[in-house]
Protein backbone atom coordinates (compact mmCIF):
# COMPACT_ATOMS: atom_id res chain seq x y z
CA UNK A 1 0.00 0.00 0.00
CA UNK A 2 1.38 3.39 -0.94
CA UNK A 3 2.34 5.65 2.00
CA UNK A 4 -0.14 8.32 0.91
CA UNK A 5 -3.02 5.82 0.90
CA UNK A 6 -2.10 4.58 4.37
CA UNK A 7 -1.99 8.12 5.72
CA UNK A 8 -5.47 8.75 4.31
CA UNK A 9 -6.76 5.64 6.07
CA UNK A 10 -5.27 6.80 9.37
CA UNK A 11 -6.92 10.21 8.92
CA UNK A 12 -10.31 8.57 8.42
CA UNK A 13 -10.02 5.96 11.18
CA UNK A 14 -8.66 7.85 14.16
CA UNK A 15 -11.50 10.30 14.78
CA UNK A 16 -13.51 7.26 15.93
CA UNK A 17 -14.12 6.99 19.66
CA UNK A 18 -13.86 3.20 19.91
CA UNK A 19 -11.34 0.46 19.22
CA UNK A 20 -10.16 0.44 15.62
CA UNK A 21 -8.92 -2.37 13.38
CA UNK A 22 -7.12 -1.25 10.25
CA UNK A 23 -6.68 -3.98 7.60
CA UNK A 24 -4.08 -3.63 4.86
CA UNK A 25 -4.73 -6.08 2.03
CA UNK A 26 -1.47 -5.41 0.17
CA UNK A 27 1.21 -6.62 2.54
CA UNK A 28 4.71 -5.27 1.78
CA UNK A 29 7.00 -7.57 -0.18
CA UNK A 30 10.05 -7.31 2.06
CA UNK A 31 10.68 -7.20 5.79
CA UNK A 32 12.29 -3.74 5.59
CA UNK A 33 9.13 -2.21 4.11
CA UNK A 34 7.00 -4.08 6.64
CA UNK A 35 9.03 -2.76 9.58
CA UNK A 36 8.67 0.81 8.27
CA UNK A 37 4.92 0.33 8.02
CA UNK A 38 4.72 -1.13 11.55
CA UNK A 39 6.71 1.80 12.89
CA UNK A 40 4.46 4.33 11.15
CA UNK A 41 1.34 2.62 12.52
CA UNK A 42 2.72 2.61 16.06
CA UNK A 43 3.76 6.27 15.89
CA UNK A 44 0.48 7.29 14.31
CA UNK A 45 -1.36 5.59 17.16
CA UNK A 46 0.73 7.50 19.70
CA UNK A 47 -0.01 10.76 17.88
CA UNK A 48 -3.73 10.06 18.20
CA UNK A 49 -3.63 8.69 21.76
CA UNK A 50 -4.77 5.30 20.39
CA UNK A 51 -2.25 2.69 21.49
CA UNK A 52 -1.39 -0.04 18.99
CA UNK A 53 -2.30 -3.22 20.90
CA UNK A 54 -1.83 -6.05 18.40
CA UNK A 55 -0.52 -6.76 14.90
CA UNK A 56 -1.55 -9.65 12.67
CA UNK A 57 0.46 -10.50 9.58
CA UNK A 58 1.32 -13.49 7.37
CA UNK A 59 4.12 -15.00 9.47
CA UNK A 60 5.02 -17.52 6.75
CA UNK A 61 6.15 -14.59 4.58
CA UNK A 62 8.20 -13.07 7.42
CA UNK A 63 9.57 -16.04 9.40
CA UNK A 64 12.43 -14.02 10.93
CA UNK A 65 10.12 -11.49 12.53
CA UNK A 66 9.90 -11.74 16.31
CA UNK A 67 6.65 -12.29 18.21
CA UNK A 68 6.69 -8.63 19.26
CA UNK A 69 7.32 -5.29 17.60
CA UNK A 70 8.62 -3.17 20.44
CA UNK A 71 5.97 -4.00 23.05
CA UNK A 72 3.17 -4.90 20.59
CA UNK A 73 2.34 -8.62 20.18
CA UNK A 74 2.49 -10.01 16.65
CA UNK A 75 0.28 -12.91 15.63
CA UNK A 76 -0.20 -14.85 12.42
CA UNK A 77 -3.17 -13.76 10.31
CA UNK A 78 -3.66 -17.29 9.03
CA UNK A 79 -5.05 -17.83 5.55
CA UNK A 80 -6.21 -14.22 5.23
CA UNK A 81 -2.72 -13.05 4.11
CA UNK A 82 -3.39 -9.48 5.27
CA UNK A 83 -1.86 -7.07 7.74
CA UNK A 84 -4.08 -5.92 10.60
CA UNK A 85 -3.42 -3.21 13.17
CA UNK A 86 -5.51 -3.19 16.34
CA UNK A 87 -5.70 0.14 18.13
CA UNK A 88 -7.21 0.80 21.56
CA UNK A 89 -9.87 3.47 21.89
CA UNK A 90 -8.28 6.94 21.85
CA UNK A 91 -7.63 8.34 25.28
CA UNK A 92 -8.12 12.06 25.87
CA UNK A 93 -4.80 13.85 26.33
CA UNK A 94 -3.81 14.49 29.94
CA UNK A 95 -4.07 18.10 31.04
PDB file of N, CA and C in Angstrom:
ATOM      1  N   UNK A   1       0.848  -1.172   0.000  1.00  0.00           N
ATOM      2  CA  UNK A   1       0.000   0.000   0.000  1.00  0.00           C
ATOM      3  C   UNK A   1       0.890   1.230   0.000  1.00  0.00           C
ATOM      4  N   UNK A   2       0.588   2.167  -0.835  1.00  0.00           N
ATOM      5  CA  UNK A   2       1.378   3.387  -0.945  1.00  0.00           C
ATOM      6  C   UNK A   2       1.271   4.192   0.345  1.00  0.00           C
ATOM      7  N   UNK A   3       2.362   4.868   0.764  1.00  0.00           N
ATOM      8  CA  UNK A   3       2.336   5.650   2.004  1.00  0.00           C
ATOM      9  C   UNK A   3       1.212   6.676   2.036  1.00  0.00           C
ATOM     10  N   UNK A   4       0.912   7.310   0.928  1.00  0.00           N
ATOM     11  CA  UNK A   4      -0.141   8.322   0.913  1.00  0.00           C
ATOM     12  C   UNK A   4      -1.488   7.682   1.222  1.00  0.00           C
ATOM     13  N   UNK A   5      -1.754   6.512   0.642  1.00  0.00           N
ATOM     14  CA  UNK A   5      -3.018   5.823   0.902  1.00  0.00           C
ATOM     15  C   UNK A   5      -3.146   5.439   2.369  1.00  0.00           C
ATOM     16  N   UNK A   6      -2.059   4.960   2.970  1.00  0.00           N
ATOM     17  CA  UNK A   6      -2.097   4.579   4.369  1.00  0.00           C
ATOM     18  C   UNK A   6      -2.375   5.792   5.249  1.00  0.00           C
ATOM     19  N   UNK A   7      -1.748   6.909   4.947  1.00  0.00           N
ATOM     20  CA  UNK A   7      -1.989   8.124   5.724  1.00  0.00           C
ATOM     21  C   UNK A   7      -3.448   8.547   5.627  1.00  0.00           C
ATOM     22  N   UNK A   8      -4.061   8.405   4.460  1.00  0.00           N
ATOM     23  CA  UNK A   8      -5.471   8.751   4.307  1.00  0.00           C
ATOM     24  C   UNK A   8      -6.349   7.840   5.154  1.00  0.00           C
ATOM     25  N   UNK A   9      -6.001   6.555   5.224  1.00  0.00           N
ATOM     26  CA  UNK A   9      -6.760   5.639   6.072  1.00  0.00           C
ATOM     27  C   UNK A   9      -6.648   6.026   7.540  1.00  0.00           C
ATOM     28  N   UNK A  10      -5.445   6.368   7.980  1.00  0.00           N
ATOM     29  CA  UNK A  10      -5.270   6.801   9.369  1.00  0.00           C
ATOM     30  C   UNK A  10      -6.122   8.034   9.652  1.00  0.00           C
ATOM     31  N   UNK A  11      -6.143   8.983   8.731  1.00  0.00           N
ATOM     32  CA  UNK A  11      -6.917  10.206   8.925  1.00  0.00           C
ATOM     33  C   UNK A  11      -8.399   9.898   9.088  1.00  0.00           C
ATOM     34  N   UNK A  12      -8.901   8.921   8.345  1.00  0.00           N
ATOM     35  CA  UNK A  12     -10.312   8.568   8.423  1.00  0.00           C
ATOM     36  C   UNK A  12     -10.631   7.766   9.679  1.00  0.00           C
ATOM     37  N   UNK A  13      -9.730   6.881  10.091  1.00  0.00           N
ATOM     38  CA  UNK A  13     -10.017   5.964  11.182  1.00  0.00           C
ATOM     39  C   UNK A  13      -9.881   6.566  12.568  1.00  0.00           C
ATOM     40  N   UNK A  14      -8.941   7.442  12.788  1.00  0.00           N
ATOM     41  CA  UNK A  14      -8.656   7.853  14.155  1.00  0.00           C
ATOM     42  C   UNK A  14      -9.639   8.815  14.796  1.00  0.00           C
ATOM     43  N   UNK A  15     -10.483   9.509  14.065  1.00  0.00           N
ATOM     44  CA  UNK A  15     -11.496  10.298  14.775  1.00  0.00           C
ATOM     45  C   UNK A  15     -12.518   9.430  15.514  1.00  0.00           C
ATOM     46  N   UNK A  16     -12.547   8.130  15.271  1.00  0.00           N
ATOM     47  CA  UNK A  16     -13.509   7.259  15.927  1.00  0.00           C
ATOM     48  C   UNK A  16     -13.220   7.173  17.418  1.00  0.00           C
ATOM     49  N   UNK A  17     -14.269   7.000  18.209  1.00  0.00           N
ATOM     50  CA  UNK A  17     -14.117   6.988  19.661  1.00  0.00           C
ATOM     51  C   UNK A  17     -14.089   5.577  20.232  1.00  0.00           C
ATOM     52  N   UNK A  18     -13.908   4.574  19.407  1.00  0.00           N
ATOM     53  CA  UNK A  18     -13.864   3.203  19.914  1.00  0.00           C
ATOM     54  C   UNK A  18     -12.628   2.499  19.369  1.00  0.00           C
ATOM     55  N   UNK A  19     -12.483   1.228  19.723  1.00  0.00           N
ATOM     56  CA  UNK A  19     -11.344   0.457  19.218  1.00  0.00           C
ATOM     57  C   UNK A  19     -11.403   0.400  17.694  1.00  0.00           C
ATOM     58  N   UNK A  20     -10.241   0.402  17.067  1.00  0.00           N
ATOM     59  CA  UNK A  20     -10.162   0.443  15.616  1.00  0.00           C
ATOM     60  C   UNK A  20      -9.280  -0.693  15.120  1.00  0.00           C
ATOM     61  N   UNK A  21      -9.732  -1.368  14.066  1.00  0.00           N
ATOM     62  CA  UNK A  21      -8.923  -2.372  13.380  1.00  0.00           C
ATOM     63  C   UNK A  21      -8.716  -1.866  11.964  1.00  0.00           C
ATOM     64  N   UNK A  22      -7.468  -1.697  11.592  1.00  0.00           N
ATOM     65  CA  UNK A  22      -7.118  -1.255  10.251  1.00  0.00           C
ATOM     66  C   UNK A  22      -6.528  -2.452   9.511  1.00  0.00           C
ATOM     67  N   UNK A  23      -7.137  -2.841   8.391  1.00  0.00           N
ATOM     68  CA  UNK A  23      -6.677  -3.982   7.603  1.00  0.00           C
ATOM     69  C   UNK A  23      -6.029  -3.493   6.321  1.00  0.00           C
ATOM     70  N   UNK A  24      -4.815  -3.958   6.080  1.00  0.00           N
ATOM     71  CA  UNK A  24      -4.076  -3.631   4.863  1.00  0.00           C
ATOM     72  C   UNK A  24      -4.033  -4.904   4.026  1.00  0.00           C
ATOM     73  N   UNK A  25      -4.642  -4.864   2.848  1.00  0.00           N
ATOM     74  CA  UNK A  25      -4.730  -6.083   2.027  1.00  0.00           C
ATOM     75  C   UNK A  25      -3.502  -6.303   1.157  1.00  0.00           C
ATOM     76  N   UNK A  26      -2.706  -5.272   0.942  1.00  0.00           N
ATOM     77  CA  UNK A  26      -1.474  -5.408   0.167  1.00  0.00           C
ATOM     78  C   UNK A  26      -0.284  -5.361   1.124  1.00  0.00           C
ATOM     79  N   UNK A  27       0.110  -6.517   1.587  1.00  0.00           N
ATOM     80  CA  UNK A  27       1.213  -6.619   2.540  1.00  0.00           C
ATOM     81  C   UNK A  27       2.521  -6.326   1.806  1.00  0.00           C
ATOM     82  N   UNK A  28       3.422  -5.551   2.428  1.00  0.00           N
ATOM     83  CA  UNK A  28       4.713  -5.270   1.782  1.00  0.00           C
ATOM     84  C   UNK A  28       5.444  -6.544   1.384  1.00  0.00           C
ATOM     85  N   UNK A  29       6.268  -6.412   0.351  1.00  0.00           N
ATOM     86  CA  UNK A  29       6.996  -7.568  -0.176  1.00  0.00           C
ATOM     87  C   UNK A  29       8.221  -7.960   0.635  1.00  0.00           C
ATOM     88  N   UNK A  30       8.822  -6.984   1.315  1.00  0.00           N
ATOM     89  CA  UNK A  30      10.046  -7.310   2.059  1.00  0.00           C
ATOM     90  C   UNK A  30       9.911  -6.864   3.512  1.00  0.00           C
ATOM     91  N   UNK A  31      10.737  -7.471   4.357  1.00  0.00           N
ATOM     92  CA  UNK A  31      10.676  -7.195   5.791  1.00  0.00           C
ATOM     93  C   UNK A  31      11.009  -5.740   6.100  1.00  0.00           C
ATOM     94  N   UNK A  32      11.925  -5.145   5.358  1.00  0.00           N
ATOM     95  CA  UNK A  32      12.292  -3.742   5.592  1.00  0.00           C
ATOM     96  C   UNK A  32      11.088  -2.815   5.407  1.00  0.00           C
ATOM     97  N   UNK A  33      10.327  -3.028   4.341  1.00  0.00           N
ATOM     98  CA  UNK A  33       9.128  -2.207   4.107  1.00  0.00           C
ATOM     99  C   UNK A  33       8.084  -2.467   5.187  1.00  0.00           C
ATOM    100  N   UNK A  34       7.950  -3.728   5.591  1.00  0.00           N
ATOM    101  CA  UNK A  34       6.999  -4.083   6.636  1.00  0.00           C
ATOM    102  C   UNK A  34       7.349  -3.372   7.944  1.00  0.00           C
ATOM    103  N   UNK A  35       8.613  -3.402   8.333  1.00  0.00           N
ATOM    104  CA  UNK A  35       9.026  -2.756   9.582  1.00  0.00           C
ATOM    105  C   UNK A  35       8.770  -1.252   9.550  1.00  0.00           C
ATOM    106  N   UNK A  36       8.985  -0.622   8.398  1.00  0.00           N
ATOM    107  CA  UNK A  36       8.674   0.811   8.270  1.00  0.00           C
ATOM    108  C   UNK A  36       7.185   1.061   8.464  1.00  0.00           C
ATOM    109  N   UNK A  37       6.365   0.194   7.895  1.00  0.00           N
ATOM    110  CA  UNK A  37       4.916   0.327   8.024  1.00  0.00           C
ATOM    111  C   UNK A  37       4.471   0.111   9.470  1.00  0.00           C
ATOM    112  N   UNK A  38       5.046  -0.884  10.140  1.00  0.00           N
ATOM    113  CA  UNK A  38       4.718  -1.130  11.546  1.00  0.00           C
ATOM    114  C   UNK A  38       5.102   0.071  12.408  1.00  0.00           C
ATOM    115  N   UNK A  39       6.265   0.634  12.135  1.00  0.00           N
ATOM    116  CA  UNK A  39       6.713   1.805  12.890  1.00  0.00           C
ATOM    117  C   UNK A  39       5.763   2.983  12.678  1.00  0.00           C
ATOM    118  N   UNK A  40       5.374   3.225  11.444  1.00  0.00           N
ATOM    119  CA  UNK A  40       4.461   4.331  11.152  1.00  0.00           C
ATOM    120  C   UNK A  40       3.120   4.136  11.850  1.00  0.00           C
ATOM    121  N   UNK A  41       2.618   2.900  11.854  1.00  0.00           N
ATOM    122  CA  UNK A  41       1.345   2.623  12.518  1.00  0.00           C
ATOM    123  C   UNK A  41       1.453   2.874  14.017  1.00  0.00           C
ATOM    124  N   UNK A  42       2.537   2.416  14.625  1.00  0.00           N
ATOM    125  CA  UNK A  42       2.716   2.610  16.056  1.00  0.00           C
ATOM    126  C   UNK A  42       2.814   4.096  16.397  1.00  0.00           C
ATOM    127  N   UNK A  43       3.603   4.838  15.632  1.00  0.00           N
ATOM    128  CA  UNK A  43       3.762   6.272  15.893  1.00  0.00           C
ATOM    129  C   UNK A  43       2.463   7.025  15.640  1.00  0.00           C
ATOM    130  N   UNK A  44       1.753   6.630  14.603  1.00  0.00           N
ATOM    131  CA  UNK A  44       0.477   7.295  14.307  1.00  0.00           C
ATOM    132  C   UNK A  44      -0.523   7.060  15.436  1.00  0.00           C
ATOM    133  N   UNK A  45      -0.518   5.859  16.003  1.00  0.00           N
ATOM    134  CA  UNK A  45      -1.364   5.589  17.160  1.00  0.00           C
ATOM    135  C   UNK A  45      -1.002   6.473  18.336  1.00  0.00           C
ATOM    136  N   UNK A  46       0.295   6.616  18.621  1.00  0.00           N
ATOM    137  CA  UNK A  46       0.731   7.502  19.704  1.00  0.00           C
ATOM    138  C   UNK A  46       0.261   8.929  19.455  1.00  0.00           C
ATOM    139  N   UNK A  47       0.401   9.391  18.224  1.00  0.00           N
ATOM    140  CA  UNK A  47      -0.011  10.756  17.880  1.00  0.00           C
ATOM    141  C   UNK A  47      -1.488  10.996  18.154  1.00  0.00           C
ATOM    142  N   UNK A  48      -2.289   9.942  18.034  1.00  0.00           N
ATOM    143  CA  UNK A  48      -3.733  10.062  18.199  1.00  0.00           C
ATOM    144  C   UNK A  48      -4.231   9.484  19.523  1.00  0.00           C
ATOM    145  N   UNK A  49      -3.302   9.219  20.434  1.00  0.00           N
ATOM    146  CA  UNK A  49      -3.634   8.689  21.759  1.00  0.00           C
ATOM    147  C   UNK A  49      -4.402   7.375  21.662  1.00  0.00           C
ATOM    148  N   UNK A  50      -4.139   6.611  20.593  1.00  0.00           N
ATOM    149  CA  UNK A  50      -4.770   5.301  20.390  1.00  0.00           C
ATOM    150  C   UNK A  50      -3.645   4.275  20.296  1.00  0.00           C
ATOM    151  N   UNK A  51      -3.369   3.624  21.408  1.00  0.00           N
ATOM    152  CA  UNK A  51      -2.248   2.693  21.485  1.00  0.00           C
ATOM    153  C   UNK A  51      -2.445   1.496  20.558  1.00  0.00           C
ATOM    154  N   UNK A  52      -1.396   1.160  19.810  1.00  0.00           N
ATOM    155  CA  UNK A  52      -1.394  -0.045  18.986  1.00  0.00           C
ATOM    156  C   UNK A  52      -1.271  -1.233  19.928  1.00  0.00           C
ATOM    157  N   UNK A  53      -2.260  -2.128  19.921  1.00  0.00           N
ATOM    158  CA  UNK A  53      -2.300  -3.217  20.899  1.00  0.00           C
ATOM    159  C   UNK A  53      -1.980  -4.586  20.325  1.00  0.00           C
ATOM    160  N   UNK A  54      -2.114  -4.751  19.006  1.00  0.00           N
ATOM    161  CA  UNK A  54      -1.833  -6.052  18.395  1.00  0.00           C
ATOM    162  C   UNK A  54      -1.611  -5.866  16.904  1.00  0.00           C
ATOM    163  N   UNK A  55      -0.783  -6.740  16.343  1.00  0.00           N
ATOM    164  CA  UNK A  55      -0.518  -6.759  14.904  1.00  0.00           C
ATOM    165  C   UNK A  55      -0.730  -8.194  14.429  1.00  0.00           C
ATOM    166  N   UNK A  56      -1.439  -8.351  13.325  1.00  0.00           N
ATOM    167  CA  UNK A  56      -1.552  -9.653  12.674  1.00  0.00           C
ATOM    168  C   UNK A  56      -0.956  -9.523  11.285  1.00  0.00           C
ATOM    169  N   UNK A  57      -0.156 -10.513  10.904  1.00  0.00           N
ATOM    170  CA  UNK A  57       0.458 -10.504   9.581  1.00  0.00           C
ATOM    171  C   UNK A  57       0.751 -11.928   9.144  1.00  0.00           C
ATOM    172  N   UNK A  58       1.025 -12.133   7.851  1.00  0.00           N
ATOM    173  CA  UNK A  58       1.325 -13.494   7.366  1.00  0.00           C
ATOM    174  C   UNK A  58       2.731 -13.916   7.795  1.00  0.00           C
ATOM    175  N   UNK A  59       2.825 -14.625   8.902  1.00  0.00           N
ATOM    176  CA  UNK A  59       4.119 -15.002   9.469  1.00  0.00           C
ATOM    177  C   UNK A  59       4.925 -15.890   8.527  1.00  0.00           C
ATOM    178  N   UNK A  60       4.271 -16.664   7.677  1.00  0.00           N
ATOM    179  CA  UNK A  60       5.021 -17.522   6.754  1.00  0.00           C
ATOM    180  C   UNK A  60       5.831 -16.697   5.766  1.00  0.00           C
ATOM    181  N   UNK A  61       5.398 -15.475   5.481  1.00  0.00           N
ATOM    182  CA  UNK A  61       6.147 -14.595   4.576  1.00  0.00           C
ATOM    183  C   UNK A  61       7.276 -13.865   5.297  1.00  0.00           C
ATOM    184  N   UNK A  62       7.184 -13.784   6.632  1.00  0.00           N
ATOM    185  CA  UNK A  62       8.196 -13.074   7.425  1.00  0.00           C
ATOM    186  C   UNK A  62       8.623 -13.946   8.608  1.00  0.00           C
ATOM    187  N   UNK A  63       9.243 -15.082   8.332  1.00  0.00           N
ATOM    188  CA  UNK A  63       9.568 -16.036   9.404  1.00  0.00           C
ATOM    189  C   UNK A  63      10.604 -15.519  10.399  1.00  0.00           C
ATOM    190  N   UNK A  64      11.400 -14.538  10.017  1.00  0.00           N
ATOM    191  CA  UNK A  64      12.429 -14.022  10.926  1.00  0.00           C
ATOM    192  C   UNK A  64      11.918 -12.947  11.870  1.00  0.00           C
ATOM    193  N   UNK A  65      10.682 -12.538  11.691  1.00  0.00           N
ATOM    194  CA  UNK A  65      10.115 -11.491  12.535  1.00  0.00           C
ATOM    195  C   UNK A  65       9.804 -12.068  13.906  1.00  0.00           C
ATOM    196  N   UNK A  66      10.118 -11.312  14.929  1.00  0.00           N
ATOM    197  CA  UNK A  66       9.900 -11.741  16.305  1.00  0.00           C
ATOM    198  C   UNK A  66       8.402 -11.755  16.624  1.00  0.00           C
ATOM    199  N   UNK A  67       8.054 -12.237  17.801  1.00  0.00           N
ATOM    200  CA  UNK A  67       6.650 -12.288  18.214  1.00  0.00           C
ATOM    201  C   UNK A  67       6.165 -10.958  18.782  1.00  0.00           C
ATOM    202  N   UNK A  68       7.064  -9.968  18.797  1.00  0.00           N
ATOM    203  CA  UNK A  68       6.687  -8.634  19.264  1.00  0.00           C
ATOM    204  C   UNK A  68       7.392  -7.589  18.407  1.00  0.00           C
ATOM    205  N   UNK A  69       6.712  -6.461  18.216  1.00  0.00           N
ATOM    206  CA  UNK A  69       7.318  -5.294  17.597  1.00  0.00           C
ATOM    207  C   UNK A  69       7.306  -4.244  18.684  1.00  0.00           C
ATOM    208  N   UNK A  70       8.470  -3.944  19.220  1.00  0.00           N
ATOM    209  CA  UNK A  70       8.617  -3.169  20.440  1.00  0.00           C
ATOM    210  C   UNK A  70       7.829  -3.896  21.510  1.00  0.00           C
ATOM    211  N   UNK A  71       6.767  -3.352  22.004  1.00  0.00           N
ATOM    212  CA  UNK A  71       5.970  -4.002  23.046  1.00  0.00           C
ATOM    213  C   UNK A  71       4.675  -4.603  22.495  1.00  0.00           C
ATOM    214  N   UNK A  72       4.440  -4.489  21.194  1.00  0.00           N
ATOM    215  CA  UNK A  72       3.172  -4.899  20.591  1.00  0.00           C
ATOM    216  C   UNK A  72       3.244  -6.364  20.126  1.00  0.00           C
ATOM    217  N   UNK A  73       2.331  -7.212  20.615  1.00  0.00           N
ATOM    218  CA  UNK A  73       2.335  -8.620  20.184  1.00  0.00           C
ATOM    219  C   UNK A  73       2.031  -8.751  18.687  1.00  0.00           C
ATOM    220  N   UNK A  74       2.722  -9.689  18.050  1.00  0.00           N
ATOM    221  CA  UNK A  74       2.491 -10.010  16.649  1.00  0.00           C
ATOM    222  C   UNK A  74       1.959 -11.431  16.573  1.00  0.00           C
ATOM    223  N   UNK A  75       0.872 -11.596  15.826  1.00  0.00           N
ATOM    224  CA  UNK A  75       0.282 -12.914  15.633  1.00  0.00           C
ATOM    225  C   UNK A  75       0.135 -13.189  14.143  1.00  0.00           C
ATOM    226  N   UNK A  76       0.004 -14.453  13.808  1.00  0.00           N
ATOM    227  CA  UNK A  76      -0.195 -14.852  12.423  1.00  0.00           C
ATOM    228  C   UNK A  76      -1.637 -14.569  12.020  1.00  0.00           C
ATOM    229  N   UNK A  77      -1.827 -14.054  10.813  1.00  0.00           N
ATOM    230  CA  UNK A  77      -3.172 -13.755  10.313  1.00  0.00           C
ATOM    231  C   UNK A  77      -3.837 -14.973   9.692  1.00  0.00           C
ATOM    232  N   UNK A  78      -3.093 -16.072   9.597  1.00  0.00           N
ATOM    233  CA  UNK A  78      -3.656 -17.290   9.027  1.00  0.00           C
ATOM    234  C   UNK A  78      -3.792 -17.194   7.515  1.00  0.00           C
ATOM    235  N   UNK A  79      -4.848 -17.769   7.004  1.00  0.00           N
ATOM    236  CA  UNK A  79      -5.054 -17.834   5.549  1.00  0.00           C
ATOM    237  C   UNK A  79      -5.419 -16.486   4.940  1.00  0.00           C
ATOM    238  N   UNK A  80      -5.755 -15.523   5.754  1.00  0.00           N
ATOM    239  CA  UNK A  80      -6.206 -14.221   5.234  1.00  0.00           C
ATOM    240  C   UNK A  80      -5.122 -13.501   4.435  1.00  0.00           C
ATOM    241  N   UNK A  81      -3.848 -13.686   4.805  1.00  0.00           N
ATOM    242  CA  UNK A  81      -2.719 -13.051   4.112  1.00  0.00           C
ATOM    243  C   UNK A  81      -2.854 -11.533   4.046  1.00  0.00           C
ATOM    244  N   UNK A  82      -3.265 -10.936   5.162  1.00  0.00           N
ATOM    245  CA  UNK A  82      -3.391  -9.485   5.266  1.00  0.00           C
ATOM    246  C   UNK A  82      -2.610  -9.010   6.480  1.00  0.00           C
ATOM    247  N   UNK A  83      -2.504  -7.708   6.600  1.00  0.00           N
ATOM    248  CA  UNK A  83      -1.862  -7.069   7.740  1.00  0.00           C
ATOM    249  C   UNK A  83      -2.952  -6.327   8.497  1.00  0.00           C
ATOM    250  N   UNK A  84      -3.061  -6.598   9.790  1.00  0.00           N
ATOM    251  CA  UNK A  84      -4.083  -5.920  10.601  1.00  0.00           C
ATOM    252  C   UNK A  84      -3.423  -5.225  11.776  1.00  0.00           C
ATOM    253  N   UNK A  85      -3.861  -3.987  12.011  1.00  0.00           N
ATOM    254  CA  UNK A  85      -3.424  -3.211  13.168  1.00  0.00           C
ATOM    255  C   UNK A  85      -4.621  -3.043  14.089  1.00  0.00           C
ATOM    256  N   UNK A  86      -4.454  -3.365  15.354  1.00  0.00           N
ATOM    257  CA  UNK A  86      -5.509  -3.195  16.344  1.00  0.00           C
ATOM    258  C   UNK A  86      -5.108  -2.032  17.257  1.00  0.00           C
ATOM    259  N   UNK A  87      -5.963  -1.025  17.302  1.00  0.00           N
ATOM    260  CA  UNK A  87      -5.703   0.141  18.127  1.00  0.00           C
ATOM    261  C   UNK A  87      -6.751   0.230  19.237  1.00  0.00           C
ATOM    262  N   UNK A  88      -6.295   0.588  20.446  1.00  0.00           N
ATOM    263  CA  UNK A  88      -7.214   0.800  21.558  1.00  0.00           C
ATOM    264  C   UNK A  88      -7.957   2.115  21.349  1.00  0.00           C
ATOM    265  N   UNK A  89      -9.094   2.248  21.992  1.00  0.00           N
ATOM    266  CA  UNK A  89      -9.869   3.471  21.889  1.00  0.00           C
ATOM    267  C   UNK A  89      -8.991   4.667  22.282  1.00  0.00           C
ATOM    268  N   UNK A  90      -9.092   5.748  21.535  1.00  0.00           N
ATOM    269  CA  UNK A  90      -8.281   6.939  21.849  1.00  0.00           C
ATOM    270  C   UNK A  90      -8.567   7.445  23.258  1.00  0.00           C
ATOM    271  N   UNK A  91      -7.512   7.771  23.942  1.00  0.00           N
ATOM    272  CA  UNK A  91      -7.632   8.341  25.280  1.00  0.00           C
ATOM    273  C   UNK A  91      -7.475   9.853  25.178  1.00  0.00           C
ATOM    274  N   UNK A  92      -8.289  10.597  25.905  1.00  0.00           N
ATOM    275  CA  UNK A  92      -8.117  12.058  25.867  1.00  0.00           C
ATOM    276  C   UNK A  92      -6.759  12.438  26.423  1.00  0.00           C
ATOM    277  N   UNK A  93      -6.110  13.440  25.822  1.00  0.00           N
ATOM    278  CA  UNK A  93      -4.798  13.853  26.330  1.00  0.00           C
ATOM    279  C   UNK A  93      -4.891  14.344  27.780  1.00  0.00           C
ATOM    280  N   UNK A  94      -3.867  14.034  28.543  1.00  0.00           N
ATOM    281  CA  UNK A  94      -3.812  14.491  29.940  1.00  0.00           C
ATOM    282  C   UNK A  94      -3.566  15.987  29.980  1.00  0.00           C
ATOM    283  N   UNK A  95      -4.228  16.630  30.915  1.00  0.00           N
ATOM    284  CA  UNK A  95      -4.075  18.098  31.038  1.00  0.00           C
ATOM    285  C   UNK A  95      -3.103  18.417  32.129  1.00  0.00           C
TER     286      UNK A  95
END
